Amino acid sequence: MTLETSAILKLPPDTIRFDDGVHARAKIGFVLLATEQTVQDDVMRLRPPGVGMHFTRAAIPDEITSETLAAQADLLADCAATLLPDGSLDVACYACTSGSLVIGEERVFAELKRGAPGAEPTSLITGVIRALRALGVRRIVVATPYLDEVNQREVDYLERAGFEVLSMCGLNLEKDSDMVRVAPDYIAEFALAQDRADADAIFVSCGALRTLDVVGEIEARAGKPAICSNQAMIWDCLRLAGIDDRFDGYGRLLSEF
């Protein structure tokens, strides 16, 4: 049956009741690698009530190299533009540690701003640097799954940011699909094996690694702060959005800062 136009009721717009929506506290957007399988789960695990977590993906092959990461730069603005185009996004984050240091924070921020001009831009390496500074550490040991070419770029980047990298050890994995399968208990042992008495903190780099599962254990066993990529990123994004919620079991960063 087709209703006559005159029979369709129309409510005056000013009679509709609106509230602040399901994500009234904050809305955070993440640009992920197309190959990413860990970040989204970690973010949703630590999503505070009333905070929206929104995701989009940038194309990349399964190979994580300096070349494939650098190519992400030209994709970031268009990806960010798909995150809540109504302009309500509070924070936009490029959620790749190695990608953000290969491209550089300045370029990442500019591209995110082009796509989501109303959002505060950040990146995964930015969150790591801010987290290390918040904890007051300077001398660090770093464990990664990366190829040597990416590891050297990370050493250089962190040292330019003012940290002393006492050691850097990578698993020499190229495929993101392999990085996501590294067992958390192995990650803990690998990270602790890099520790040194003169290190202020242990940093486990890479959003693909499931380090969030064991970062609290690493910190407790080492007796010093432990930072991992997704823990630092989530902390950074929440604080940028004005969300001060704390979480136990994931290291001092999320429980005290």
C-alpha atoms as a PDB file:
ATOM      1  CA  MET A   1       0.000   0.000   0.000  1.00  0.00           C
ATOM      2  CA  THR A   2       1.260   3.429  -0.900  1.00  0.00           C
ATOM      3  CA  LEU A   3       0.350   6.282   1.414  1.00  0.00           C
ATOM      4  CA  GLU A   4      -0.680   9.600   0.029  1.00  0.00           C
ATOM      5  CA  THR A   5       1.881  12.279   0.841  1.00  0.00           C
ATOM      6  CA  SER A   6      -0.710  14.140   2.842  1.00  0.00           C
ATOM      7  CA  ALA A   7      -1.193  11.069   5.098  1.00  0.00           C
ATOM      8  CA  ILE A   8       2.480  10.894   6.223  1.00  0.00           C
ATOM      9  CA  LEU A   9       2.858  12.543   9.605  1.00  0.00           C
ATOM     10  CA  LYS A  10       5.742  14.972  10.036  1.00  0.00           C
ATOM     11  CA  LEU A  11       6.934  15.971  13.486  1.00  0.00           C
ATOM     12  CA  PRO A  12       8.161  19.530  13.872  1.00  0.00           C
ATOM     13  CA  PRO A  13      11.967  19.402  14.298  1.00  0.00           C
ATOM     14  CA  ASP A  14      11.812  21.327  17.565  1.00  0.00           C
ATOM     15  CA  THR A  15       9.780  18.543  19.191  1.00  0.00           C
ATOM     16  CA  ILE A  16      12.533  15.905  18.795  1.00  0.00           C
ATOM     17  CA  ARG A  17      14.502  15.307  22.000  1.00  0.00           C
ATOM     18  CA  PHE A  18      18.289  14.953  21.652  1.00  0.00           C
ATOM     19  CA  ASP A  19      20.954  14.141  24.221  1.00  0.00           C
ATOM     20  CA  ASP A  20      24.760  14.160  24.007  1.00  0.00           C
ATOM     21  CA  GLY A  21      24.893  10.691  22.443  1.00  0.00           C
ATOM     22  CA  VAL A  22      26.559   7.482  23.531  1.00  0.00           C
ATOM     23  CA  HIS A  23      30.070   8.981  23.367  1.00  0.00           C
ATOM     24  CA  ALA A  24      29.433  12.160  25.316  1.00  0.00           C
ATOM     25  CA  ARG A  25      32.802  12.258  27.101  1.00  0.00           C
ATOM     26  CA  ALA A  26      35.109  12.109  24.073  1.00  0.00           C
ATOM     27  CA  LYS A  27      35.584  10.698  20.569  1.00  0.00           C
ATOM     28  CA  ILE A  28      38.970   9.365  19.497  1.00  0.00           C
ATOM     29  CA  GLY A  29      39.884   8.208  16.001  1.00  0.00           C
ATOM     30  CA  PHE A  30      42.664   5.827  14.990  1.00  0.00           C
ATOM     31  CA  VAL A  31      44.205   5.363  11.553  1.00  0.00           C
ATOM     32  CA  LEU A  32      45.414   1.747  11.514  1.00  0.00           C
ATOM     33  CA  LEU A  33      47.522  -0.182   9.035  1.00  0.00           C
ATOM     34  CA  ALA A  34      45.391  -2.369   6.790  1.00  0.00           C
ATOM     35  CA  THR A  35      47.308  -5.361   8.180  1.00  0.00           C
ATOM     36  CA  GLU A  36      46.724  -4.450  11.845  1.00  0.00           C
ATOM     37  CA  GLN A  37      45.174  -7.122  14.103  1.00  0.00           C
ATOM     38  CA  THR A  38      46.095  -6.021  17.647  1.00  0.00           C
ATOM     39  CA  VAL A  39      45.547  -2.290  18.183  1.00  0.00           C
ATOM     40  CA  GLN A  40      41.762  -2.311  17.908  1.00  0.00           C
ATOM     41  CA  ASP A  41      41.357  -5.046  20.526  1.00  0.00           C
ATOM     42  CA  ASP A  42      43.775  -3.300  22.905  1.00  0.00           C
ATOM     43  CA  VAL A  43      42.022   0.050  22.528  1.00  0.00           C
ATOM     44  CA  MET A  44      38.587  -1.433  23.133  1.00  0.00           C
ATOM     45  CA  ARG A  45      39.866  -3.326  26.182  1.00  0.00           C
ATOM     46  CA  LEU A  46      40.752   0.011  27.796  1.00  0.00           C
ATOM     47  CA  ARG A  47      37.838   2.091  26.490  1.00  0.00           C
ATOM     48  CA  PRO A  48      36.327   4.108  29.351  1.00  0.00           C
ATOM     49  CA  PRO A  49      32.530   4.422  29.508  1.00  0.00           C
ATOM     50  CA  GLY A  50      31.228   7.260  27.381  1.00  0.00           C
ATOM     51  CA  VAL A  51      34.350   7.428  25.185  1.00  0.00           C
ATOM     52  CA  GLY A  52      34.005   6.533  21.512  1.00  0.00           C
ATOM     53  CA  MET A  53      36.834   4.729  19.721  1.00  0.00           C
ATOM     54  CA  HIS A  54      36.627   4.973  15.932  1.00  0.00           C
ATOM     55  CA  PHE A  55      38.835   3.229  13.380  1.00  0.00           C
ATOM     56  CA  THR A  56      39.870   3.438   9.762  1.00  0.00           C
ATOM     57  CA  ARG A  57      42.651   1.708   7.822  1.00  0.00           C
ATOM     58  CA  ALA A  58      45.418   2.778   5.448  1.00  0.00           C
ATOM     59  CA  ALA A  59      46.485   0.398   2.687  1.00  0.00           C
ATOM     60  CA  ILE A  60      49.842  -1.355   3.083  1.00  0.00           C
ATOM     61  CA  PRO A  61      51.197  -4.740   2.024  1.00  0.00           C
ATOM     62  CA  ASP A  62      52.051  -7.331   4.669  1.00  0.00           C
ATOM     63  CA  GLU A  63      55.721  -6.288   4.510  1.00  0.00           C
ATOM     64  CA  ILE A  64      56.772  -3.731   7.144  1.00  0.00           C
ATOM     65  CA  THR A  65      59.791  -1.959   5.672  1.00  0.00           C
ATOM     66  CA  SER A  66      61.010   1.618   5.570  1.00  0.00           C
ATOM     67  CA  GLU A  67      59.656   1.893   2.027  1.00  0.00           C
ATOM     68  CA  THR A  68      56.146   0.585   2.723  1.00  0.00           C
ATOM     69  CA  LEU A  69      55.862   2.686   5.869  1.00  0.00           C
ATOM     70  CA  ALA A  70      56.984   5.873   4.130  1.00  0.00           C
ATOM     71  CA  ALA A  71      54.260   5.367   1.507  1.00  0.00           C
ATOM     72  CA  GLN A  72      51.625   5.686   4.238  1.00  0.00           C
ATOM     73  CA  ALA A  73      52.171   9.446   4.439  1.00  0.00           C
ATOM     74  CA  ASP A  74      50.110  10.142   1.321  1.00  0.00           C
ATOM     75  CA  LEU A  75      47.153   8.123   2.682  1.00  0.00           C
ATOM     76  CA  LEU A  76      46.735   9.634   6.131  1.00  0.00           C
ATOM     77  CA  ALA A  77      44.629  12.687   5.284  1.00  0.00           C
ATOM     78  CA  ASP A  78      42.045  10.755   3.276  1.00  0.00           C
ATOM     79  CA  CYS A  79      41.834   8.086   5.995  1.00  0.00           C
ATOM     80  CA  ALA A  80      41.423  10.661   8.750  1.00  0.00           C
ATOM     81  CA  ALA A  81      38.656  12.342   6.759  1.00  0.00           C
ATOM     82  CA  THR A  82      36.523   9.200   7.105  1.00  0.00           C
ATOM     83  CA  LEU A  83      36.596   9.424  10.923  1.00  0.00           C
ATOM     84  CA  LEU A  84      33.367  11.169  11.988  1.00  0.00           C
ATOM     85  CA  PRO A  85      33.133  13.713   9.169  1.00  0.00           C
ATOM     86  CA  ASP A  86      30.597  15.685  11.221  1.00  0.00           C
ATOM     87  CA  GLY A  87      33.601  17.290  12.927  1.00  0.00           C
ATOM     88  CA  SER A  88      32.941  15.859  16.386  1.00  0.00           C
ATOM     89  CA  LEU A  89      36.227  13.952  16.653  1.00  0.00           C
ATOM     90  CA  ASP A  90      38.401  15.124  19.572  1.00  0.00           C
ATOM     91  CA  VAL A  91      41.661  13.289  18.848  1.00  0.00           C
ATOM     92  CA  ALA A  92      43.071  11.683  15.686  1.00  0.00           C
ATOM     93  CA  CYS A  93      45.960   9.224  16.051  1.00  0.00           C
ATOM     94  CA  TYR A  94      48.124   7.438  13.502  1.00  0.00           C
ATOM     95  CA  ALA A  95      48.412   4.092  15.279  1.00  0.00           C
ATOM     96  CA  CYS A  96      51.731   2.750  14.000  1.00  0.00           C
ATOM     97  CA  THR A  97      54.989   3.131  15.916  1.00  0.00           C
ATOM     98  CA  SER A  98      57.387   2.454  13.081  1.00  0.00           C
ATOM     99  CA  GLY A  99      55.255   4.285  10.523  1.00  0.00           C
ATOM    100  CA  SER A 100      55.054   7.442  12.587  1.00  0.00           C
ATOM    101  CA  LEU A 101      58.800   7.594  13.152  1.00  0.00           C
ATOM    102  CA  VAL A 102      59.628   6.807   9.515  1.00  0.00           C
ATOM    103  CA  ILE A 103      57.242   9.501   8.263  1.00  0.00           C
ATOM    104  CA  GLY A 104      58.011  11.854  11.145  1.00  0.00           C
ATOM    105  CA  GLU A 105      55.593  13.404  13.614  1.00  0.00           C
ATOM    106  CA  GLU A 106      55.444  16.781  11.886  1.00  0.00           C
ATOM    107  CA  ARG A 107      54.257  15.288   8.586  1.00  0.00           C
ATOM    108  CA  VAL A 108      51.881  12.893  10.358  1.00  0.00           C
ATOM    109  CA  PHE A 109      50.281  15.746  12.296  1.00  0.00           C
ATOM    110  CA  ALA A 110      49.899  17.859   9.153  1.00  0.00           C
ATOM    111  CA  GLU A 111      48.205  15.041   7.238  1.00  0.00           C
ATOM    112  CA  LEU A 112      45.861  14.157  10.102  1.00  0.00           C
ATOM    113  CA  LYS A 113      44.940  17.837  10.407  1.00  0.00           C
ATOM    114  CA  ARG A 114      44.120  18.004   6.712  1.00  0.00           C
ATOM    115  CA  GLY A 115      41.718  15.104   7.066  1.00  0.00           C
ATOM    116  CA  ALA A 116      40.287  15.906  10.507  1.00  0.00           C
ATOM    117  CA  PRO A 117      40.910  19.616  11.106  1.00  0.00           C
ATOM    118  CA  GLY A 118      38.915  19.788  14.330  1.00  0.00           C
ATOM    119  CA  ALA A 119      40.769  16.962  16.066  1.00  0.00           C
ATOM    120  CA  GLU A 120      43.994  17.101  18.063  1.00  0.00           C
ATOM    121  CA  PRO A 121      46.565  15.076  16.074  1.00  0.00           C
ATOM    122  CA  THR A 122      48.948  12.579  17.608  1.00  0.00           C
ATOM    123  CA  SER A 123      50.826   9.423  16.654  1.00  0.00           C
ATOM    124  CA  LEU A 124      51.996   6.257  18.286  1.00  0.00           C
ATOM    125  CA  ILE A 125      55.639   7.341  18.548  1.00  0.00           C
ATOM    126  CA  THR A 126      54.402  10.637  20.016  1.00  0.00           C
ATOM    127  CA  GLY A 127      52.549   8.753  22.737  1.00  0.00           C
ATOM    128  CA  VAL A 128      55.659   6.715  23.520  1.00  0.00           C
ATOM    129  CA  ILE A 129      57.865   9.799  23.807  1.00  0.00           C
ATOM    130  CA  ARG A 130      55.326  11.586  26.004  1.00  0.00           C
ATOM    131  CA  ALA A 131      54.968   8.499  28.196  1.00  0.00           C
ATOM    132  CA  LEU A 132      58.714   8.130  28.703  1.00  0.00           C
ATOM    133  CA  ARG A 133      58.994  11.802  29.594  1.00  0.00           C
ATOM    134  CA  ALA A 134      56.049  11.582  32.002  1.00  0.00           C
ATOM    135  CA  LEU A 135      57.814   8.745  33.807  1.00  0.00           C
ATOM    136  CA  GLY A 136      61.001  10.798  34.001  1.00  0.00           C
ATOM    137  CA  VAL A 137      63.217   8.234  32.287  1.00  0.00           C
ATOM    138  CA  ARG A 138      66.136   8.927  29.955  1.00  0.00           C
ATOM    139  CA  ARG A 139      68.154   5.726  29.503  1.00  0.00           C
ATOM    140  CA  ILE A 140      66.161   2.949  27.870  1.00  0.00           C
ATOM    141  CA  VAL A 141      66.480  -0.501  26.392  1.00  0.00           C
ATOM    142  CA  VAL A 142      64.247  -1.276  23.427  1.00  0.00           C
ATOM    143  CA  ALA A 143      62.816  -4.565  22.157  1.00  0.00           C
ATOM    144  CA  THR A 144      61.105  -4.706  18.753  1.00  0.00           C
ATOM    145  CA  PRO A 145      59.924  -7.197  16.143  1.00  0.00           C
ATOM    146  CA  TYR A 146      61.354  -5.065  13.297  1.00  0.00           C
ATOM    147  CA  LEU A 147      63.957  -5.442  10.596  1.00  0.00           C
ATOM    148  CA  ASP A 148      67.346  -3.845  11.289  1.00  0.00           C
ATOM    149  CA  GLU A 149      66.639  -1.002   8.849  1.00  0.00           C
ATOM    150  CA  VAL A 150      63.610   0.044  10.909  1.00  0.00           C
ATOM    151  CA  ASN A 151      65.395  -0.523  14.227  1.00  0.00           C
ATOM    152  CA  GLN A 152      68.188   1.882  13.293  1.00  0.00           C
ATOM    153  CA  ARG A 153      65.681   4.556  12.355  1.00  0.00           C
ATOM    154  CA  GLU A 154      63.979   4.095  15.708  1.00  0.00           C
ATOM    155  CA  VAL A 155      67.249   4.425  17.618  1.00  0.00           C
ATOM    156  CA  ASP A 156      68.032   7.632  15.741  1.00  0.00           C
ATOM    157  CA  TYR A 157      64.539   9.032  16.334  1.00  0.00           C
ATOM    158  CA  LEU A 158      64.504   8.299  20.053  1.00  0.00           C
ATOM    159  CA  GLU A 159      67.981   9.715  20.544  1.00  0.00           C
ATOM    160  CA  ARG A 160      67.016  12.912  18.732  1.00  0.00           C
ATOM    161  CA  ALA A 161      64.092  13.116  21.156  1.00  0.00           C
ATOM    162  CA  GLY A 162      66.575  13.167  24.042  1.00  0.00           C
ATOM    163  CA  PHE A 163      66.745   9.530  25.158  1.00  0.00           C
ATOM    164  CA  GLU A 164      69.832   7.373  25.485  1.00  0.00           C
ATOM    165  CA  VAL A 165      69.181   4.015  23.846  1.00  0.00           C
ATOM    166  CA  LEU A 166      71.435   1.607  25.700  1.00  0.00           C
ATOM    167  CA  SER A 167      70.474  -1.348  23.525  1.00  0.00           C
ATOM    168  CA  MET A 168      68.061  -2.183  20.726  1.00  0.00           C
ATOM    169  CA  CYS A 169      67.169  -5.756  19.796  1.00  0.00           C
ATOM    170  CA  GLY A 170      64.760  -6.784  17.032  1.00  0.00           C
ATOM    171  CA  LEU A 171      63.237 -10.094  16.015  1.00  0.00           C
ATOM    172  CA  ASN A 172      63.915  -9.354  12.332  1.00  0.00           C
ATOM    173  CA  LEU A 173      60.312  -9.998  11.294  1.00  0.00           C
ATOM    174  CA  GLU A 174      59.090  -8.417   8.084  1.00  0.00           C
ATOM    175  CA  LYS A 175      55.453  -9.477   7.944  1.00  0.00           C
ATOM    176  CA  ASP A 176      52.855  -7.838  10.154  1.00  0.00           C
ATOM    177  CA  SER A 177      51.003 -11.153  10.109  1.00  0.00           C
ATOM    178  CA  ASP A 178      53.983 -12.727  11.897  1.00  0.00           C
ATOM    179  CA  MET A 179      54.313  -9.914  14.434  1.00  0.00           C
ATOM    180  CA  VAL A 180      50.749 -10.448  15.633  1.00  0.00           C
ATOM    181  CA  ARG A 181      51.494 -14.134  16.333  1.00  0.00           C
ATOM    182  CA  VAL A 182      54.438 -13.615  18.695  1.00  0.00           C
ATOM    183  CA  ALA A 183      53.285 -15.206  21.959  1.00  0.00           C
ATOM    184  CA  PRO A 184      52.855 -12.788  24.887  1.00  0.00           C
ATOM    185  CA  ASP A 185      54.894 -14.967  27.257  1.00  0.00           C
ATOM    186  CA  TYR A 186      57.737 -14.893  24.754  1.00  0.00           C
ATOM    187  CA  ILE A 187      57.408 -11.099  24.464  1.00  0.00           C
ATOM    188  CA  ALA A 188      57.842 -10.830  28.235  1.00  0.00           C
ATOM    189  CA  GLU A 189      60.958 -13.012  28.244  1.00  0.00           C
ATOM    190  CA  PHE A 190      62.374 -11.203  25.198  1.00  0.00           C
ATOM    191  CA  ALA A 191      61.821  -7.792  26.793  1.00  0.00           C
ATOM    192  CA  LEU A 192      63.295  -8.801  30.153  1.00  0.00           C
ATOM    193  CA  ALA A 193      66.350 -10.277  28.427  1.00  0.00           C
ATOM    194  CA  GLN A 194      67.176  -6.803  27.098  1.00  0.00           C
ATOM    195  CA  ASP A 195      67.135  -5.179  30.545  1.00  0.00           C
ATOM    196  CA  ARG A 196      70.265  -3.667  32.034  1.00  0.00           C
ATOM    197  CA  ALA A 197      71.001  -2.381  35.517  1.00  0.00           C
ATOM    198  CA  ASP A 198      71.705   1.115  34.149  1.00  0.00           C
ATOM    199  CA  ALA A 199      68.434   1.311  32.185  1.00  0.00           C
ATOM    200  CA  ASP A 200      65.694   3.538  33.593  1.00  0.00           C
ATOM    201  CA  ALA A 201      62.944   1.740  31.658  1.00  0.00           C
ATOM    202  CA  ILE A 202      62.136  -1.007  29.170  1.00  0.00           C
ATOM    203  CA  PHE A 203      60.324  -0.070  25.970  1.00  0.00           C
ATOM    204  CA  VAL A 204      58.688  -2.749  23.797  1.00  0.00           C
ATOM    205  CA  SER A 205      57.960  -1.173  20.424  1.00  0.00           C
ATOM    206  CA  CYS A 206      55.205  -2.093  17.928  1.00  0.00           C
ATOM    207  CA  GLY A 207      51.435  -1.906  18.051  1.00  0.00           C
ATOM    208  CA  ALA A 208      51.130  -5.330  16.445  1.00  0.00           C
ATOM    209  CA  LEU A 209      52.796  -7.114  19.357  1.00  0.00           C
ATOM    210  CA  ARG A 210      50.439  -8.275  22.120  1.00  0.00           C
ATOM    211  CA  THR A 211      52.597  -6.637  24.778  1.00  0.00           C
ATOM    212  CA  LEU A 212      49.640  -5.048  26.555  1.00  0.00           C
ATOM    213  CA  ASP A 213      48.868  -8.568  27.837  1.00  0.00           C
ATOM    214  CA  VAL A 214      52.176  -8.713  29.723  1.00  0.00           C
ATOM    215  CA  VAL A 215      53.399  -5.137  30.216  1.00  0.00           C
ATOM    216  CA  GLY A 216      52.371  -5.207  33.874  1.00  0.00           C
ATOM    217  CA  GLU A 217      54.294  -8.449  34.369  1.00  0.00           C
ATOM    218  CA  ILE A 218      57.370  -7.032  32.628  1.00  0.00           C
ATOM    219  CA  GLU A 219      57.311  -3.979  34.874  1.00  0.00           C
ATOM    220  CA  ALA A 220      56.834  -6.016  38.054  1.00  0.00           C
ATOM    221  CA  ARG A 221      59.615  -8.462  37.246  1.00  0.00           C
ATOM    222  CA  ALA A 222      62.041  -5.778  36.121  1.00  0.00           C
ATOM    223  CA  GLY A 223      61.343  -3.491  39.050  1.00  0.00           C
ATOM    224  CA  LYS A 224      61.318  -0.469  36.748  1.00  0.00           C
ATOM    225  CA  PRO A 225      58.852   1.195  34.369  1.00  0.00           C
ATOM    226  CA  ALA A 226      57.839  -0.731  31.267  1.00  0.00           C
ATOM    227  CA  ILE A 227      56.317   0.998  28.279  1.00  0.00           C
ATOM    228  CA  CYS A 228      54.738  -0.667  25.272  1.00  0.00           C
ATOM    229  CA  SER A 229      53.338   0.959  22.184  1.00  0.00           C
ATOM    230  CA  ASN A 230      49.608   0.456  22.670  1.00  0.00           C
ATOM    231  CA  GLN A 231      49.676   1.219  26.382  1.00  0.00           C
ATOM    232  CA  ALA A 232      51.427   4.542  25.685  1.00  0.00           C
ATOM    233  CA  MET A 233      49.159   5.369  22.750  1.00  0.00           C
ATOM    234  CA  ILE A 234      45.953   4.755  24.702  1.00  0.00           C
ATOM    235  CA  TRP A 235      47.246   6.826  27.624  1.00  0.00           C
ATOM    236  CA  ASP A 236      48.257   9.674  25.312  1.00  0.00           C
ATOM    237  CA  CYS A 237      44.957   9.742  23.408  1.00  0.00           C
ATOM    238  CA  LEU A 238      42.834   9.627  26.558  1.00  0.00           C
ATOM    239  CA  ARG A 239      44.769  12.429  28.242  1.00  0.00           C
ATOM    240  CA  LEU A 240      44.640  14.579  25.079  1.00  0.00           C
ATOM    241  CA  ALA A 241      40.870  14.092  25.071  1.00  0.00           C
ATOM    242  CA  GLY A 242      40.628  15.195  28.702  1.00  0.00           C
ATOM    243  CA  ILE A 243      39.900  11.695  30.012  1.00  0.00           C
ATOM    244  CA  ASP A 244      41.693  11.013  33.301  1.00  0.00           C
ATOM    245  CA  ASP A 245      40.545   7.428  33.946  1.00  0.00           C
ATOM    246  CA  ARG A 246      43.134   5.094  35.469  1.00  0.00           C
ATOM    247  CA  PHE A 247      43.651   1.368  34.831  1.00  0.00           C
ATOM    248  CA  ASP A 248      45.404  -1.159  37.063  1.00  0.00           C
ATOM    249  CA  GLY A 249      47.459  -4.063  35.774  1.00  0.00           C
ATOM    250  CA  TYR A 250      49.051  -2.315  32.793  1.00  0.00           C
ATOM    251  CA  GLY A 251      51.999  -0.550  34.407  1.00  0.00           C
ATOM    252  CA  ARG A 252      52.490   2.685  36.327  1.00  0.00           C
ATOM    253  CA  LEU A 253      51.759   4.813  33.279  1.00  0.00           C
ATOM    254  CA  LEU A 254      48.074   3.908  33.190  1.00  0.00           C
ATOM    255  CA  SER A 255      47.579   3.560  36.934  1.00  0.00           C
ATOM    256  CA  GLU A 256      49.345   6.720  38.159  1.00  0.00           C
ATOM    257  CA  PHE A 257      49.709   9.277  35.338  1.00  0.00           C
END
